[in-house]
N, C-alpha and C. Protein backbone atom coordinates (compact mmCIF):
# COMPACT_ATOMS: atom_id res chain seq x y z
N UNK A 1 -116.94 202.07 -24.17
CA UNK A 1 -116.49 200.61 -24.17
C UNK A 1 -117.19 199.62 -25.27
N UNK A 2 -117.45 199.93 -26.54
CA UNK A 2 -117.51 199.05 -27.67
C UNK A 2 -116.37 198.69 -27.68
N UNK A 3 -115.37 199.50 -28.15
CA UNK A 3 -113.61 198.95 -28.50
C UNK A 3 -113.26 197.85 -27.32
N UNK A 4 -113.89 197.76 -26.05
CA UNK A 4 -113.31 197.23 -24.82
C UNK A 4 -113.92 195.98 -24.89
N UNK A 5 -115.37 195.57 -25.32
CA UNK A 5 -115.64 194.47 -25.76
C UNK A 5 -115.22 193.74 -26.86
N UNK A 6 -114.90 195.04 -28.11
CA UNK A 6 -114.48 194.09 -29.33
C UNK A 6 -112.92 193.29 -29.12
N UNK A 7 -112.37 194.20 -28.03
CA UNK A 7 -110.77 193.55 -27.62
C UNK A 7 -110.92 192.47 -26.98
N UNK A 8 -112.10 192.49 -26.42
CA UNK A 8 -111.68 191.49 -25.27
C UNK A 8 -112.59 190.03 -25.72
N UNK A 9 -113.01 190.52 -26.97
CA UNK A 9 -113.27 189.50 -27.39
C UNK A 9 -112.59 188.59 -28.77
N UNK A 10 -111.62 189.68 -29.01
CA UNK A 10 -110.81 189.20 -30.41
C UNK A 10 -109.42 188.48 -29.27
N UNK A 11 -109.27 188.31 -28.05
CA UNK A 11 -108.46 188.26 -27.27
C UNK A 11 -108.92 186.81 -26.58
N UNK A 12 -110.27 186.15 -27.22
CA UNK A 12 -110.62 184.81 -26.98
C UNK A 12 -111.55 184.72 -25.90
N UNK A 13 -112.15 186.00 -25.28
CA UNK A 13 -113.05 185.74 -24.19
C UNK A 13 -114.67 185.54 -24.81
N UNK A 14 -115.34 185.07 -24.35
CA UNK A 14 -116.77 184.92 -25.17
C UNK A 14 -117.64 185.84 -24.04
N UNK A 15 -119.12 186.05 -24.86
CA UNK A 15 -119.99 186.45 -24.24
C UNK A 15 -120.08 187.91 -23.33
N UNK A 16 -119.19 188.15 -23.80
CA UNK A 16 -118.40 189.61 -23.18
C UNK A 16 -119.33 190.73 -23.42
N UNK A 17 -119.87 191.54 -21.95
CA UNK A 17 -120.85 192.60 -22.38
C UNK A 17 -120.51 193.50 -21.41
N UNK A 18 -120.57 194.56 -21.61
CA UNK A 18 -120.45 195.95 -20.29
C UNK A 18 -121.28 196.41 -19.71
N UNK A 19 -121.61 197.87 -18.71
CA UNK A 19 -122.21 197.90 -18.22
C UNK A 19 -122.12 198.81 -17.65
N UNK A 20 -122.65 200.36 -18.01
CA UNK A 20 -121.87 201.63 -17.72
C UNK A 20 -120.36 201.80 -18.61
N UNK A 21 -120.30 202.90 -17.97
CA UNK A 21 -119.71 203.83 -18.73
C UNK A 21 -117.48 203.56 -17.86
N UNK A 22 -117.84 202.65 -16.84
CA UNK A 22 -117.09 202.33 -15.40
C UNK A 22 -115.67 201.43 -15.26
N UNK A 23 -115.70 200.42 -16.30
CA UNK A 23 -114.94 199.38 -16.91
C UNK A 23 -115.87 198.64 -15.83
N UNK A 24 -117.07 197.91 -16.18
CA UNK A 24 -117.86 196.69 -15.52
C UNK A 24 -117.59 195.81 -16.97
N UNK A 25 -116.74 194.95 -16.27
CA UNK A 25 -117.59 193.96 -17.45
C UNK A 25 -117.75 192.16 -17.47
N UNK A 26 -118.88 191.92 -17.75
CA UNK A 26 -118.99 190.60 -17.73
C UNK A 26 -119.10 189.43 -19.01
N UNK A 27 -117.70 188.37 -18.42
CA UNK A 27 -117.65 188.05 -19.52
C UNK A 27 -117.60 186.37 -19.31
N UNK A 28 -117.17 185.63 -20.09
CA UNK A 28 -117.22 184.03 -20.23
C UNK A 28 -115.84 183.38 -20.06
N UNK A 29 -114.79 182.40 -19.39
CA UNK A 29 -113.84 182.45 -19.40
C UNK A 29 -113.58 180.75 -19.22
N UNK A 30 -112.87 180.33 -19.68
CA UNK A 30 -112.50 178.68 -18.72
C UNK A 30 -111.28 179.01 -18.21
N UNK A 31 -110.26 179.88 -18.12
CA UNK A 31 -109.26 180.75 -17.37
C UNK A 31 -109.84 180.74 -15.77
N UNK A 32 -109.11 180.45 -15.08
CA UNK A 32 -108.74 180.98 -13.63
C UNK A 32 -109.24 182.49 -13.48
N UNK A 33 -109.98 182.76 -12.38
CA UNK A 33 -110.21 184.35 -11.49
C UNK A 33 -108.94 185.01 -12.20
N UNK A 34 -107.77 184.90 -11.27
CA UNK A 34 -106.62 185.11 -11.27
C UNK A 34 -106.10 185.59 -12.90
N UNK A 35 -106.13 184.39 -13.80
CA UNK A 35 -105.91 184.33 -15.15
C UNK A 35 -106.75 185.37 -15.81
N UNK A 36 -107.96 185.47 -15.48
CA UNK A 36 -108.42 186.58 -16.48
C UNK A 36 -108.57 188.07 -16.10
N UNK A 37 -108.36 187.50 -14.90
CA UNK A 37 -107.39 189.52 -14.46
C UNK A 37 -106.37 189.79 -15.17
N UNK A 38 -105.17 188.81 -15.25
CA UNK A 38 -104.03 189.44 -15.91
C UNK A 38 -104.01 189.39 -17.34
N UNK A 39 -105.07 188.53 -17.79
CA UNK A 39 -105.35 189.14 -19.33
C UNK A 39 -105.85 189.86 -19.73
N UNK A 40 -107.23 190.33 -18.60
CA UNK A 40 -107.70 191.85 -19.48
C UNK A 40 -107.08 192.79 -19.35
N UNK A 41 -106.15 192.87 -18.12
CA UNK A 41 -105.39 194.22 -18.28
C UNK A 41 -104.41 194.44 -19.25
N UNK A 42 -104.15 193.08 -19.22
CA UNK A 42 -102.71 193.38 -20.85
C UNK A 42 -103.66 193.92 -21.36
N UNK A 43 -105.36 193.62 -22.27
CA UNK A 43 -105.48 193.52 -23.18
C UNK A 43 -105.70 194.86 -23.28
N UNK A 44 -106.32 195.23 -22.16
CA UNK A 44 -106.44 197.08 -21.77
C UNK A 44 -105.07 197.48 -21.99
N UNK A 45 -104.22 197.40 -21.75
CA UNK A 45 -102.56 197.93 -21.82
C UNK A 45 -102.16 198.24 -23.00
N UNK A 46 -102.42 197.15 -23.72
CA UNK A 46 -101.90 196.59 -25.01
C UNK A 46 -103.14 197.62 -26.31
N UNK A 47 -104.40 197.37 -25.99
CA UNK A 47 -105.38 197.64 -26.76
C UNK A 47 -105.15 199.64 -26.53
N UNK A 48 -105.42 200.24 -25.16
CA UNK A 48 -105.35 201.65 -24.85
C UNK A 48 -105.05 202.15 -24.14
N UNK A 49 -103.89 201.31 -24.05
CA UNK A 49 -102.63 202.03 -23.90
C UNK A 49 -102.68 202.49 -21.65
N UNK A 50 -103.31 201.89 -20.93
CA UNK A 50 -103.78 202.39 -19.89
C UNK A 50 -103.09 200.98 -19.19
N UNK A 51 -102.27 201.21 -17.77
CA UNK A 51 -101.91 200.57 -16.95
C UNK A 51 -103.36 200.20 -15.25
N UNK A 52 -104.08 199.54 -15.82
CA UNK A 52 -105.27 199.94 -14.51
C UNK A 52 -105.22 198.44 -14.10
N UNK A 53 -105.37 198.54 -12.75
CA UNK A 53 -105.73 197.34 -12.02
C UNK A 53 -106.79 196.74 -12.04
N UNK A 54 -107.21 195.37 -12.13
CA UNK A 54 -108.14 194.67 -12.68
C UNK A 54 -108.66 193.76 -11.47
N UNK A 55 -109.79 193.86 -10.78
CA UNK A 55 -110.23 192.91 -10.33
C UNK A 55 -111.39 192.09 -10.13
N UNK A 56 -111.50 190.99 -10.42
CA UNK A 56 -112.73 189.88 -10.53
C UNK A 56 -112.95 189.20 -9.86
N UNK A 57 -114.24 188.84 -9.93
CA UNK A 57 -115.48 187.79 -9.31
C UNK A 57 -116.05 186.81 -10.26
N UNK A 58 -116.13 185.75 -9.78
CA UNK A 58 -117.12 185.08 -10.94
C UNK A 58 -118.52 184.64 -10.25
N UNK A 59 -119.29 184.33 -11.05
CA UNK A 59 -120.42 184.83 -11.09
C UNK A 59 -120.83 184.10 -9.80
N UNK A 60 -120.27 182.89 -8.88
CA UNK A 60 -120.58 182.62 -8.22
C UNK A 60 -120.42 183.53 -7.02
N UNK A 61 -119.11 183.75 -7.16
CA UNK A 61 -118.85 184.89 -6.29
C UNK A 61 -119.43 185.77 -6.15
N UNK A 62 -120.02 186.72 -6.85
CA UNK A 62 -120.70 187.85 -6.72
C UNK A 62 -121.79 187.51 -6.44
N UNK A 63 -122.29 186.16 -6.39
CA UNK A 63 -124.25 186.31 -6.01
C UNK A 63 -123.94 185.72 -4.44
N UNK A 64 -122.32 185.41 -3.88
CA UNK A 64 -122.47 184.87 -2.61
C UNK A 64 -122.78 186.63 -1.98
N UNK A 65 -121.88 187.23 -2.89
CA UNK A 65 -121.63 189.33 -2.22
C UNK A 65 -123.34 189.47 -2.37
N UNK A 66 -123.99 189.17 -2.92
CA UNK A 66 -125.54 189.78 -2.61
C UNK A 66 -126.29 189.21 -2.11
N UNK A 67 -125.89 187.90 -2.08
CA UNK A 67 -126.67 186.82 -1.01
C UNK A 67 -126.01 187.13 0.51
N UNK A 68 -124.99 187.74 1.12
CA UNK A 68 -124.54 187.86 2.31
C UNK A 68 -125.08 189.24 2.33
N UNK A 69 -125.11 190.75 1.99
CA UNK A 69 -125.62 191.90 2.13
C UNK A 69 -125.89 192.01 3.58
N UNK A 70 -124.78 192.10 4.44
CA UNK A 70 -124.92 192.27 5.69
C UNK A 70 -125.64 193.32 6.10
N UNK A 71 -125.64 194.46 5.65
CA UNK A 71 -126.28 195.56 5.65
C UNK A 71 -127.62 195.65 4.95
N UNK A 72 -128.40 194.48 5.24
CA UNK A 72 -129.51 194.80 4.29
C UNK A 72 -130.76 195.78 5.22
N UNK A 73 -130.59 195.41 6.79
CA UNK A 73 -131.62 196.47 7.21
C UNK A 73 -131.48 197.46 7.85
N UNK A 74 -129.99 197.82 7.46
CA UNK A 74 -129.84 199.44 7.31
C UNK A 74 -129.72 200.76 5.38
N UNK A 75 -129.50 199.86 4.91
CA UNK A 75 -128.85 200.13 3.90
C UNK A 75 -130.40 200.31 2.83
N UNK A 76 -130.75 200.99 2.62
CA UNK A 76 -132.19 201.16 1.80
C UNK A 76 -131.79 202.02 0.44
N UNK A 77 -130.67 202.79 0.42
CA UNK A 77 -130.90 203.51 -0.86
C UNK A 77 -129.38 202.59 -1.43
N UNK A 78 -130.00 201.96 -2.49
CA UNK A 78 -128.45 201.33 -3.23
C UNK A 78 -127.74 202.34 -3.95
N UNK A 79 -127.61 203.37 -3.91
CA UNK A 79 -127.06 204.89 -4.25
C UNK A 79 -125.41 205.10 -2.94
N UNK A 80 -126.28 204.93 -2.17
CA UNK A 80 -125.26 205.01 -0.89
C UNK A 80 -124.84 203.83 -0.35
N UNK A 81 -124.74 202.97 -0.71
CA UNK A 81 -124.45 201.33 -0.51
C UNK A 81 -123.50 200.92 -1.40
N UNK A 82 -121.86 200.56 -0.72
CA UNK A 82 -120.91 200.14 -1.49
C UNK A 82 -121.14 199.44 -1.26
N UNK A 83 -120.02 198.46 -2.40
CA UNK A 83 -119.41 197.01 -1.63
C UNK A 83 -118.27 197.34 -2.54
N UNK A 84 -116.74 197.25 -1.75
CA UNK A 84 -115.63 197.56 -1.95
C UNK A 84 -114.77 196.10 -2.36
N UNK A 85 -114.38 195.79 -3.73
CA UNK A 85 -113.85 194.61 -4.15
C UNK A 85 -112.92 194.12 -4.37
N UNK A 86 -112.01 193.81 -3.29
CA UNK A 86 -110.15 193.75 -3.41
C UNK A 86 -109.89 192.57 -3.95
N UNK A 87 -108.63 192.29 -4.25
CA UNK A 87 -107.99 191.78 -5.12
C UNK A 87 -107.10 190.47 -4.31
N UNK A 88 -107.31 190.87 -2.60
CA UNK A 88 -106.80 190.23 -0.93
C UNK A 88 -107.61 190.30 -0.38
N UNK A 89 -107.79 189.69 0.77
CA UNK A 89 -107.75 190.33 2.33
C UNK A 89 -106.73 190.93 2.93
N UNK A 90 -107.73 192.24 3.19
CA UNK A 90 -106.72 193.64 4.12
C UNK A 90 -106.19 192.94 5.00
N UNK A 91 -105.01 193.65 5.68
CA UNK A 91 -104.27 192.88 7.28
C UNK A 91 -105.88 193.62 8.09
N UNK A 92 -105.30 193.06 9.40
CA UNK A 92 -105.93 193.02 10.33
C UNK A 92 -105.97 194.56 10.62
N UNK A 93 -104.79 195.39 10.08
CA UNK A 93 -104.08 196.70 11.16
C UNK A 93 -105.51 197.72 10.28
N UNK A 94 -105.52 197.16 8.75
CA UNK A 94 -106.07 197.69 7.76
C UNK A 94 -107.47 197.63 8.53
N UNK A 95 -108.45 196.39 8.29
CA UNK A 95 -109.42 196.61 8.63
C UNK A 95 -110.06 196.92 10.16
N UNK A 96 -109.37 197.28 11.09
CA UNK A 96 -109.18 198.04 12.23
C UNK A 96 -108.92 199.87 12.10
N UNK A 97 -108.06 200.24 10.93
CA UNK A 97 -108.48 201.42 10.34
C UNK A 97 -109.75 201.92 9.94
N UNK A 98 -110.26 201.13 8.65
CA UNK A 98 -112.04 200.85 8.39
C UNK A 98 -112.52 201.10 9.51
N UNK A 99 -112.51 200.26 10.12
CA UNK A 99 -113.94 200.35 11.18
C UNK A 99 -113.58 201.65 12.20
N UNK A 100 -112.75 202.33 12.23
CA UNK A 100 -112.42 203.19 12.96
C UNK A 100 -112.66 204.70 12.00
N UNK A 101 -112.65 204.59 10.76
CA UNK A 101 -112.92 205.28 10.15
C UNK A 101 -114.30 206.31 9.91
N UNK A 102 -114.90 205.15 10.18
CA UNK A 102 -116.45 205.38 9.83
C UNK A 102 -117.07 206.36 10.99
N UNK A 103 -118.22 206.98 10.33
CA UNK A 103 -118.51 208.43 10.97
C UNK A 103 -119.76 207.00 12.08
N UNK A 104 -120.36 207.53 12.66
CA UNK A 104 -121.25 207.14 13.80
C UNK A 104 -122.41 206.78 12.86
N UNK A 105 -123.10 207.38 11.74
CA UNK A 105 -124.34 206.46 11.06
C UNK A 105 -123.80 206.17 10.21
N UNK A 106 -122.65 205.97 9.81
CA UNK A 106 -122.07 204.58 9.08
C UNK A 106 -121.98 203.54 9.23
N UNK A 107 -122.14 202.60 8.20
CA UNK A 107 -121.95 200.97 8.66
C UNK A 107 -120.43 200.57 8.12
N UNK A 108 -120.26 199.82 8.52
CA UNK A 108 -118.92 198.74 7.40
C UNK A 108 -119.01 197.72 8.06
N UNK A 109 -118.80 197.15 7.22
CA UNK A 109 -118.46 195.45 7.08
C UNK A 109 -117.81 194.71 6.15
N UNK A 110 -116.47 194.27 6.85
CA UNK A 110 -115.28 193.64 5.99
C UNK A 110 -115.41 192.19 6.04
N UNK A 111 -116.00 191.70 4.82
CA UNK A 111 -115.45 189.88 5.21
C UNK A 111 -115.10 189.57 3.87
N UNK A 112 -113.80 189.50 3.91
CA UNK A 112 -112.73 188.47 3.59
C UNK A 112 -112.52 189.33 2.22
N UNK A 113 -112.97 189.58 0.93
CA UNK A 113 -112.24 190.20 0.08
C UNK A 113 -113.57 190.88 -0.45
N UNK A 114 -114.30 192.03 0.26
CA UNK A 114 -115.09 192.75 0.08
C UNK A 114 -115.45 193.65 1.32
N UNK A 115 -115.78 194.86 0.87
CA UNK A 115 -115.57 195.42 2.01
C UNK A 115 -117.18 196.19 1.47
N UNK A 116 -118.32 196.23 3.00
CA UNK A 116 -119.66 196.73 2.35
C UNK A 116 -119.52 198.18 3.56
N UNK A 117 -120.32 199.23 2.35
CA UNK A 117 -120.69 200.06 3.25
C UNK A 117 -121.23 201.12 2.95
N UNK A 118 -122.13 201.23 3.89
CA UNK A 118 -123.41 201.95 4.25
C UNK A 118 -122.87 203.52 4.51
N UNK A 119 -123.09 204.54 3.44
CA UNK A 119 -122.96 206.35 4.21
C UNK A 119 -124.53 206.82 3.97
N UNK A 120 -124.91 206.83 4.42
CA UNK A 120 -126.79 207.56 4.74
C UNK A 120 -126.75 208.56 4.31
N UNK A 121 -125.67 209.47 5.02
CA UNK A 121 -125.88 211.06 4.82
C UNK A 121 -125.44 211.31 3.09
N UNK A 122 -123.85 210.78 3.09
CA UNK A 122 -123.03 212.02 1.72
C UNK A 122 -122.07 210.70 1.63
N UNK A 123 -121.80 210.38 0.35
CA UNK A 123 -120.73 209.34 -0.06
C UNK A 123 -119.40 210.58 -0.05
N UNK A 124 -119.77 211.25 -0.61
CA UNK A 124 -118.87 212.42 -1.47
C UNK A 124 -118.28 213.07 -0.17
N UNK A 125 -118.33 213.24 0.80
CA UNK A 125 -117.63 213.76 2.38
C UNK A 125 -117.54 212.73 3.50
N UNK A 126 -117.95 211.83 3.00
CA UNK A 126 -118.03 210.79 4.03
C UNK A 126 -115.73 210.86 3.97
N UNK A 127 -115.74 210.15 5.21
CA UNK A 127 -113.60 209.99 5.26
C UNK A 127 -113.82 208.37 5.02
N UNK A 128 -114.85 207.83 5.52
CA UNK A 128 -114.51 206.05 4.94
C UNK A 128 -114.61 205.88 3.69
N UNK A 129 -115.29 206.39 3.08
CA UNK A 129 -115.44 206.31 1.64
C UNK A 129 -114.12 206.80 1.25
N UNK A 130 -113.93 208.40 1.74
CA UNK A 130 -111.97 208.70 1.30
C UNK A 130 -111.04 207.03 1.46
N UNK A 131 -111.25 206.60 2.43
CA UNK A 131 -110.39 205.42 2.66
C UNK A 131 -110.25 204.70 1.85
N UNK A 132 -111.73 203.95 1.59
CA UNK A 132 -112.00 202.66 0.69
C UNK A 132 -111.54 203.53 -0.80
N UNK A 133 -111.92 204.64 -1.16
CA UNK A 133 -111.21 204.74 -2.69
C UNK A 133 -109.90 205.16 -2.85
N UNK A 134 -109.36 204.94 -1.46
CA UNK A 134 -108.06 205.69 -2.12
C UNK A 134 -106.87 204.32 -2.03
N UNK A 135 -105.76 204.67 -1.99
CA UNK A 135 -104.82 203.95 -2.41
C UNK A 135 -103.63 203.04 -0.78
N UNK A 136 -104.84 203.56 -0.15
CA UNK A 136 -104.19 203.15 1.41
C UNK A 136 -104.45 201.41 2.07
N UNK A 137 -105.19 200.87 1.58
CA UNK A 137 -105.66 199.59 1.65
C UNK A 137 -104.83 198.58 1.72
N UNK A 138 -103.57 198.86 1.10
CA UNK A 138 -102.49 197.25 1.09
C UNK A 138 -103.22 196.71 -0.21
N UNK A 139 -104.32 196.82 -0.69
CA UNK A 139 -104.72 195.14 -1.26
C UNK A 139 -105.40 196.38 -2.83
N UNK A 140 -105.61 196.18 -3.76
CA UNK A 140 -106.21 196.77 -4.84
C UNK A 140 -107.44 196.24 -4.62
N UNK A 141 -108.77 197.77 -5.04
CA UNK A 141 -109.69 197.67 -4.79
C UNK A 141 -110.29 198.87 -5.66
N UNK A 142 -111.80 197.94 -5.81
CA UNK A 142 -112.35 198.79 -6.90
C UNK A 142 -114.29 198.63 -6.23
N UNK A 143 -114.76 199.78 -5.97
CA UNK A 143 -115.77 200.10 -5.81
C UNK A 143 -117.25 199.92 -6.52
N UNK A 144 -118.59 199.11 -5.80
CA UNK A 144 -119.52 199.54 -7.00
C UNK A 144 -120.96 199.80 -6.19
N UNK A 145 -121.67 200.51 -6.57
CA UNK A 145 -123.20 200.87 -5.49
C UNK A 145 -123.44 199.73 -5.95
N UNK A 146 -124.47 198.94 -4.70
CA UNK A 146 -125.51 198.51 -4.91
C UNK A 146 -126.22 198.01 -5.88
N UNK A 147 -126.72 198.99 -6.28
CA UNK A 147 -127.41 198.67 -7.63
C UNK A 147 -127.25 198.42 -8.46
N UNK A 148 -125.18 198.63 -9.02
CA UNK A 148 -124.30 198.27 -9.76
C UNK A 148 -124.14 197.25 -9.74
N UNK A 149 -124.28 196.49 -8.18
CA UNK A 149 -123.75 195.10 -8.38
C UNK A 149 -125.08 194.11 -8.64
N UNK A 150 -126.09 194.95 -8.06
CA UNK A 150 -127.24 193.58 -8.55
C UNK A 150 -127.34 193.68 -10.01
N UNK A 151 -126.64 194.68 -11.15
CA UNK A 151 -127.05 194.97 -12.17
C UNK A 151 -126.33 194.06 -12.84
N UNK A 152 -124.50 193.75 -12.73
CA UNK A 152 -123.69 193.09 -12.80
C UNK A 152 -124.22 191.15 -12.90
N UNK A 153 -124.76 191.19 -11.20
CA UNK A 153 -125.63 189.54 -11.58
C UNK A 153 -126.29 189.63 -12.27
N UNK A 154 -127.37 190.15 -12.56
CA UNK A 154 -128.23 189.60 -13.62
C UNK A 154 -128.00 190.18 -14.59
N UNK A 155 -127.00 190.60 -14.95
CA UNK A 155 -126.05 190.47 -16.52
C UNK A 155 -125.74 189.03 -17.33
N UNK A 156 -124.73 188.81 -15.51
CA UNK A 156 -123.91 187.70 -15.75
C UNK A 156 -125.67 186.65 -15.79
N UNK A 157 -126.36 186.20 -15.63
CA UNK A 157 -127.78 185.29 -15.47
C UNK A 157 -128.26 185.38 -16.35
N UNK A 158 -128.13 186.31 -17.60
CA UNK A 158 -128.60 187.07 -18.55
C UNK A 158 -128.03 186.00 -19.85
N UNK A 159 -129.07 185.12 -20.57
CA UNK A 159 -128.60 184.81 -21.72
C UNK A 159 -128.09 185.76 -22.14
N UNK A 160 -126.62 185.30 -22.77
CA UNK A 160 -125.40 185.99 -23.68
C UNK A 160 -126.52 186.29 -24.82
N UNK A 161 -126.13 187.63 -25.33
CA UNK A 161 -126.65 187.34 -26.90
C UNK A 161 -126.18 187.20 -27.71
N UNK A 162 -126.81 186.66 -28.95
CA UNK A 162 -126.18 185.80 -29.81
C UNK A 162 -126.15 186.85 -31.20
């Protein structure tokens, strides 16, 4: 992650910070969100030889995700509560398939470009999680557990390192 931070800073991004080893980056830019995603993807491809999808949210968008928290009443373990961030809204057919795939104990809320999913028993053996983590959504997606979502918002709100 230090190499990624350095590469993004060299590409002109400011206040670049990372969280854990799974590609969580908080940074400042005057570019629009879509342009940031394209630029970050280009840096990762050029510097590391990896072609990975990049999904971005502004600080305000991330704050709304946390504020919405539609499963707050049932999702008590932040490690089993996932938010999938999508680059576009899924089709109605995909939304119906997501809803139908959830186990009776699981809860799922599709809200625009986010999917909130509560897996009370297990994530590893969840058919819902397998669908959300797969390539069959018709859109680019990346998921984070609730603890990580909250940490990323806190990181975005923290003063930039000097």
